[in-house]
Amino acid sequence: MGQWVKGKSHDTFGPVGPYLVTKDEIKNINNLNMSLDVNGKRMQTGNTNMMIFNVDIIVSYLSKFMTLQTGDLITTGTPTGVGMGMKPQQFLKDGDEIELTIENLGKQKSKVALL
């Protein structure tokens, strides 16, 4: 079955941190630049202003059928540049080094470790 959640839910996927910020620390959550480098090569670039639904709408919608608590994480889509859509297709491999940057939140580095 084709479902995008498989690409975001493997063991060790979805690291967060090293810290979270509060709403008052970001001027406009709906306008943050984002990028993803794999082994030093820029693979994805985007901005939260390109999301189909802005953050306020997503939070409002989810709160209609689930209780949101302080610290809850809501995962959303991904910027253009997904490896599956490339020709030829490119997928992460064991040992690849990933660097994710989101404006005002900082950088996160991780290494792919396939189990």
N, C-alpha and C. Protein backbone atom coordinates (compact mmCIF):
# COMPACT_ATOMS: atom_id res chain seq x y z
N MET A 1 0.85 -1.18 0.00
CA MET A 1 0.00 0.00 0.00
C MET A 1 0.90 1.24 0.00
N GLY A 2 0.58 2.22 -0.82
CA GLY A 2 1.37 3.44 -0.89
C GLY A 2 0.97 4.43 0.19
N GLN A 3 1.83 4.63 1.16
CA GLN A 3 1.53 5.55 2.26
C GLN A 3 2.83 6.25 2.65
N TRP A 4 2.82 7.58 2.68
CA TRP A 4 4.02 8.36 2.94
C TRP A 4 4.58 8.14 4.34
N VAL A 5 3.74 7.73 5.28
CA VAL A 5 4.21 7.60 6.66
C VAL A 5 5.36 6.60 6.76
N LYS A 6 5.44 5.63 5.84
CA LYS A 6 6.53 4.64 5.88
C LYS A 6 7.90 5.32 5.77
N GLY A 7 7.98 6.39 5.02
CA GLY A 7 9.25 7.08 4.83
C GLY A 7 9.66 7.94 6.02
N LYS A 8 8.78 8.09 6.99
CA LYS A 8 9.08 8.93 8.15
C LYS A 8 9.04 8.17 9.46
N SER A 9 8.80 6.86 9.42
CA SER A 9 8.50 6.13 10.65
C SER A 9 9.43 4.98 10.97
N HIS A 10 10.47 4.79 10.21
CA HIS A 10 11.40 3.69 10.48
C HIS A 10 12.08 3.90 11.83
N ASP A 11 12.47 2.82 12.49
CA ASP A 11 13.22 2.95 13.74
C ASP A 11 14.39 3.90 13.52
N THR A 12 14.64 4.77 14.46
CA THR A 12 15.69 5.80 14.49
C THR A 12 15.34 7.03 13.65
N PHE A 13 14.23 7.03 12.90
CA PHE A 13 13.84 8.21 12.13
C PHE A 13 13.16 9.21 13.06
N GLY A 14 13.13 10.47 12.66
CA GLY A 14 12.42 11.48 13.42
C GLY A 14 13.15 12.02 14.63
N PRO A 15 14.48 12.16 14.57
CA PRO A 15 15.16 12.73 15.73
C PRO A 15 14.74 14.18 15.94
N VAL A 16 14.72 14.63 17.17
CA VAL A 16 14.39 16.01 17.50
C VAL A 16 15.44 16.58 18.43
N GLY A 17 15.45 17.88 18.54
CA GLY A 17 16.37 18.51 19.47
C GLY A 17 17.50 19.21 18.76
N PRO A 18 18.45 19.71 19.47
CA PRO A 18 18.71 19.37 20.87
C PRO A 18 17.82 20.13 21.85
N TYR A 19 16.96 21.01 21.35
CA TYR A 19 16.06 21.72 22.25
C TYR A 19 14.83 22.16 21.47
N LEU A 20 13.80 22.55 22.17
CA LEU A 20 12.60 23.12 21.56
C LEU A 20 12.55 24.59 21.93
N VAL A 21 11.80 25.35 21.15
CA VAL A 21 11.66 26.78 21.45
C VAL A 21 10.19 27.07 21.73
N THR A 22 9.95 28.17 22.38
CA THR A 22 8.57 28.59 22.64
C THR A 22 8.10 29.53 21.54
N LYS A 23 6.80 29.69 21.43
CA LYS A 23 6.20 30.49 20.37
C LYS A 23 6.77 31.91 20.30
N ASP A 24 7.06 32.49 21.45
CA ASP A 24 7.55 33.87 21.48
C ASP A 24 8.97 34.01 20.91
N GLU A 25 9.66 32.90 20.70
CA GLU A 25 11.03 32.96 20.18
C GLU A 25 11.08 32.96 18.64
N ILE A 26 9.95 32.80 18.01
CA ILE A 26 9.89 32.80 16.54
C ILE A 26 8.87 33.84 16.10
N LYS A 27 9.32 34.77 15.25
CA LYS A 27 8.43 35.85 14.82
C LYS A 27 7.27 35.33 13.98
N ASN A 28 7.56 34.47 13.00
CA ASN A 28 6.51 33.99 12.10
C ASN A 28 6.79 32.54 11.74
N ILE A 29 6.12 31.63 12.41
CA ILE A 29 6.34 30.20 12.18
C ILE A 29 5.94 29.80 10.76
N ASN A 30 5.13 30.62 10.11
CA ASN A 30 4.70 30.34 8.74
C ASN A 30 5.63 30.94 7.70
N ASN A 31 6.86 31.31 8.12
CA ASN A 31 7.85 31.84 7.18
C ASN A 31 9.25 31.53 7.68
N LEU A 32 9.59 30.24 7.71
CA LEU A 32 10.91 29.79 8.15
C LEU A 32 11.61 29.05 7.01
N ASN A 33 12.82 29.48 6.67
CA ASN A 33 13.59 28.76 5.65
C ASN A 33 14.08 27.43 6.22
N MET A 34 14.10 26.42 5.34
CA MET A 34 14.54 25.08 5.75
C MET A 34 15.48 24.52 4.68
N SER A 35 16.41 23.68 5.10
CA SER A 35 17.27 23.00 4.14
C SER A 35 17.71 21.66 4.71
N LEU A 36 18.09 20.76 3.81
CA LEU A 36 18.58 19.45 4.19
C LEU A 36 19.76 19.11 3.29
N ASP A 37 20.90 18.82 3.92
CA ASP A 37 22.10 18.39 3.19
C ASP A 37 22.37 16.93 3.50
N VAL A 38 22.77 16.18 2.49
CA VAL A 38 23.18 14.79 2.67
C VAL A 38 24.62 14.70 2.21
N ASN A 39 25.50 14.31 3.12
CA ASN A 39 26.94 14.21 2.84
C ASN A 39 27.48 15.51 2.25
N GLY A 40 27.01 16.64 2.80
CA GLY A 40 27.50 17.95 2.38
C GLY A 40 26.86 18.50 1.12
N LYS A 41 25.96 17.77 0.49
CA LYS A 41 25.31 18.23 -0.74
C LYS A 41 23.86 18.64 -0.43
N ARG A 42 23.49 19.86 -0.85
CA ARG A 42 22.14 20.36 -0.63
C ARG A 42 21.15 19.52 -1.44
N MET A 43 20.20 18.91 -0.74
CA MET A 43 19.21 18.06 -1.38
C MET A 43 17.81 18.67 -1.34
N GLN A 44 17.51 19.43 -0.28
CA GLN A 44 16.19 20.01 -0.15
C GLN A 44 16.30 21.44 0.36
N THR A 45 15.47 22.30 -0.19
CA THR A 45 15.36 23.69 0.25
C THR A 45 13.89 24.05 0.23
N GLY A 46 13.43 24.74 1.24
CA GLY A 46 12.04 25.14 1.27
C GLY A 46 11.78 26.19 2.32
N ASN A 47 10.53 26.50 2.51
CA ASN A 47 10.10 27.48 3.49
C ASN A 47 8.73 27.06 3.99
N THR A 48 8.46 27.29 5.26
CA THR A 48 7.16 26.93 5.79
C THR A 48 6.03 27.70 5.11
N ASN A 49 6.34 28.80 4.43
CA ASN A 49 5.29 29.53 3.71
C ASN A 49 4.83 28.79 2.46
N MET A 50 5.50 27.69 2.12
CA MET A 50 5.12 26.89 0.96
C MET A 50 4.24 25.70 1.35
N MET A 51 3.96 25.54 2.63
CA MET A 51 3.13 24.42 3.07
C MET A 51 1.70 24.58 2.55
N ILE A 52 1.04 23.48 2.25
CA ILE A 52 -0.33 23.52 1.75
C ILE A 52 -1.24 24.17 2.79
N PHE A 53 -1.08 23.79 4.07
CA PHE A 53 -1.84 24.40 5.16
C PHE A 53 -0.85 25.04 6.12
N ASN A 54 -1.12 26.26 6.57
CA ASN A 54 -0.19 26.89 7.50
C ASN A 54 -0.31 26.25 8.88
N VAL A 55 0.65 26.53 9.72
CA VAL A 55 0.75 25.89 11.03
C VAL A 55 -0.50 26.13 11.86
N ASP A 56 -1.04 27.34 11.83
CA ASP A 56 -2.24 27.65 12.62
C ASP A 56 -3.41 26.75 12.23
N ILE A 57 -3.59 26.54 10.94
CA ILE A 57 -4.69 25.69 10.46
C ILE A 57 -4.46 24.24 10.87
N ILE A 58 -3.23 23.77 10.78
CA ILE A 58 -2.93 22.38 11.16
C ILE A 58 -3.23 22.15 12.64
N VAL A 59 -2.77 23.06 13.49
CA VAL A 59 -3.00 22.92 14.93
C VAL A 59 -4.49 22.99 15.23
N SER A 60 -5.20 23.92 14.61
CA SER A 60 -6.63 24.05 14.83
C SER A 60 -7.36 22.77 14.41
N TYR A 61 -7.03 22.24 13.26
CA TYR A 61 -7.67 21.03 12.76
C TYR A 61 -7.42 19.84 13.70
N LEU A 62 -6.17 19.62 14.05
CA LEU A 62 -5.83 18.48 14.92
C LEU A 62 -6.50 18.58 16.28
N SER A 63 -6.62 19.79 16.80
CA SER A 63 -7.20 19.97 18.13
C SER A 63 -8.69 19.66 18.16
N LYS A 64 -9.31 19.50 17.01
CA LYS A 64 -10.73 19.15 16.97
C LYS A 64 -10.97 17.69 17.31
N PHE A 65 -9.96 16.83 17.14
CA PHE A 65 -10.17 15.41 17.42
C PHE A 65 -9.08 14.77 18.27
N MET A 66 -8.14 15.55 18.76
CA MET A 66 -7.13 15.02 19.68
C MET A 66 -6.70 16.11 20.64
N THR A 67 -6.30 15.70 21.83
CA THR A 67 -5.82 16.64 22.83
C THR A 67 -4.35 16.91 22.58
N LEU A 68 -4.01 18.15 22.37
CA LEU A 68 -2.61 18.54 22.18
C LEU A 68 -2.06 19.04 23.51
N GLN A 69 -0.88 18.54 23.85
CA GLN A 69 -0.22 18.91 25.10
C GLN A 69 1.05 19.70 24.78
N THR A 70 1.49 20.50 25.73
CA THR A 70 2.75 21.21 25.58
C THR A 70 3.85 20.22 25.27
N GLY A 71 4.62 20.49 24.24
CA GLY A 71 5.72 19.61 23.86
C GLY A 71 5.36 18.59 22.80
N ASP A 72 4.08 18.47 22.45
CA ASP A 72 3.69 17.55 21.38
C ASP A 72 4.35 17.99 20.08
N LEU A 73 4.70 17.03 19.27
CA LEU A 73 5.28 17.29 17.96
C LEU A 73 4.28 16.91 16.88
N ILE A 74 4.14 17.77 15.89
CA ILE A 74 3.26 17.50 14.76
C ILE A 74 4.15 17.41 13.52
N THR A 75 4.23 16.24 12.96
CA THR A 75 5.03 16.09 11.75
C THR A 75 4.18 16.44 10.53
N THR A 76 4.80 17.10 9.59
CA THR A 76 4.09 17.53 8.39
C THR A 76 4.80 16.99 7.15
N GLY A 77 4.66 17.64 6.05
CA GLY A 77 5.25 17.21 4.78
C GLY A 77 6.74 17.45 4.71
N THR A 78 7.23 17.55 3.52
CA THR A 78 8.65 17.72 3.29
C THR A 78 8.86 18.65 2.10
N PRO A 79 9.93 19.44 2.11
CA PRO A 79 10.21 20.32 0.98
C PRO A 79 10.53 19.52 -0.29
N THR A 80 10.49 20.18 -1.43
CA THR A 80 10.86 19.53 -2.68
C THR A 80 12.28 18.99 -2.59
N GLY A 81 12.55 17.97 -3.36
CA GLY A 81 13.88 17.37 -3.38
C GLY A 81 13.91 15.98 -2.80
N VAL A 82 12.75 15.34 -2.67
CA VAL A 82 12.68 13.99 -2.14
C VAL A 82 13.39 13.04 -3.10
N GLY A 83 14.23 12.17 -2.55
CA GLY A 83 15.04 11.26 -3.36
C GLY A 83 14.24 10.35 -4.26
N MET A 84 13.05 9.94 -3.82
CA MET A 84 12.23 9.06 -4.63
C MET A 84 11.78 9.73 -5.93
N GLY A 85 11.68 11.06 -5.91
CA GLY A 85 11.24 11.80 -7.09
C GLY A 85 12.36 12.18 -8.03
N MET A 86 13.60 11.86 -7.68
CA MET A 86 14.75 12.20 -8.52
C MET A 86 14.95 11.14 -9.59
N LYS A 87 15.63 11.53 -10.66
CA LYS A 87 15.99 10.59 -11.72
C LYS A 87 17.48 10.64 -11.92
N PRO A 88 18.22 9.60 -11.56
CA PRO A 88 17.72 8.38 -10.94
C PRO A 88 17.35 8.62 -9.48
N GLN A 89 16.52 7.74 -8.95
CA GLN A 89 16.10 7.86 -7.56
C GLN A 89 17.30 7.75 -6.64
N GLN A 90 17.25 8.51 -5.52
CA GLN A 90 18.33 8.47 -4.53
C GLN A 90 17.71 8.23 -3.15
N PHE A 91 18.28 7.28 -2.44
CA PHE A 91 17.78 6.95 -1.11
C PHE A 91 18.92 7.01 -0.11
N LEU A 92 18.61 7.29 1.15
CA LEU A 92 19.63 7.34 2.18
C LEU A 92 20.24 5.96 2.36
N LYS A 93 21.55 5.98 2.64
CA LYS A 93 22.29 4.73 2.85
C LYS A 93 22.96 4.75 4.22
N ASP A 94 23.25 3.57 4.72
CA ASP A 94 23.94 3.42 5.99
C ASP A 94 25.21 4.28 5.97
N GLY A 95 25.38 5.11 6.97
CA GLY A 95 26.56 5.96 7.08
C GLY A 95 26.41 7.35 6.50
N ASP A 96 25.34 7.62 5.73
CA ASP A 96 25.13 8.96 5.20
C ASP A 96 25.01 9.96 6.34
N GLU A 97 25.56 11.14 6.14
CA GLU A 97 25.48 12.19 7.15
C GLU A 97 24.46 13.24 6.71
N ILE A 98 23.54 13.53 7.61
CA ILE A 98 22.41 14.42 7.34
C ILE A 98 22.56 15.69 8.18
N GLU A 99 22.33 16.84 7.55
CA GLU A 99 22.29 18.09 8.31
C GLU A 99 21.03 18.85 7.92
N LEU A 100 20.17 19.04 8.90
CA LEU A 100 18.90 19.73 8.73
C LEU A 100 19.01 21.11 9.37
N THR A 101 18.57 22.13 8.66
CA THR A 101 18.57 23.49 9.20
C THR A 101 17.18 24.09 9.07
N ILE A 102 16.70 24.69 10.15
CA ILE A 102 15.45 25.45 10.10
C ILE A 102 15.75 26.80 10.75
N GLU A 103 15.46 27.84 10.00
CA GLU A 103 15.71 29.21 10.45
C GLU A 103 15.13 29.44 11.85
N ASN A 104 15.91 30.06 12.71
CA ASN A 104 15.55 30.38 14.10
C ASN A 104 15.51 29.17 15.02
N LEU A 105 15.65 27.96 14.49
CA LEU A 105 15.66 26.77 15.33
C LEU A 105 17.05 26.15 15.40
N GLY A 106 17.88 26.40 14.39
CA GLY A 106 19.24 25.88 14.40
C GLY A 106 19.43 24.71 13.46
N LYS A 107 20.50 23.95 13.74
CA LYS A 107 20.89 22.82 12.90
C LYS A 107 20.86 21.54 13.71
N GLN A 108 20.62 20.47 13.00
CA GLN A 108 20.66 19.15 13.61
C GLN A 108 21.43 18.24 12.67
N LYS A 109 22.42 17.56 13.22
CA LYS A 109 23.22 16.63 12.42
C LYS A 109 22.96 15.21 12.92
N SER A 110 22.88 14.28 11.97
CA SER A 110 22.71 12.88 12.34
C SER A 110 23.35 12.00 11.27
N LYS A 111 23.55 10.77 11.63
CA LYS A 111 24.15 9.79 10.73
C LYS A 111 23.16 8.65 10.54
N VAL A 112 22.96 8.23 9.30
CA VAL A 112 22.04 7.14 9.01
C VAL A 112 22.64 5.84 9.52
N ALA A 113 21.86 5.12 10.30
CA ALA A 113 22.28 3.82 10.82
C ALA A 113 21.15 2.85 10.57
N LEU A 114 21.28 2.09 9.50
CA LEU A 114 20.24 1.10 9.17
C LEU A 114 20.40 -0.10 10.07
N LEU A 115 19.30 -0.55 10.62
CA LEU A 115 19.32 -1.68 11.54
C LEU A 115 19.26 -2.99 10.80
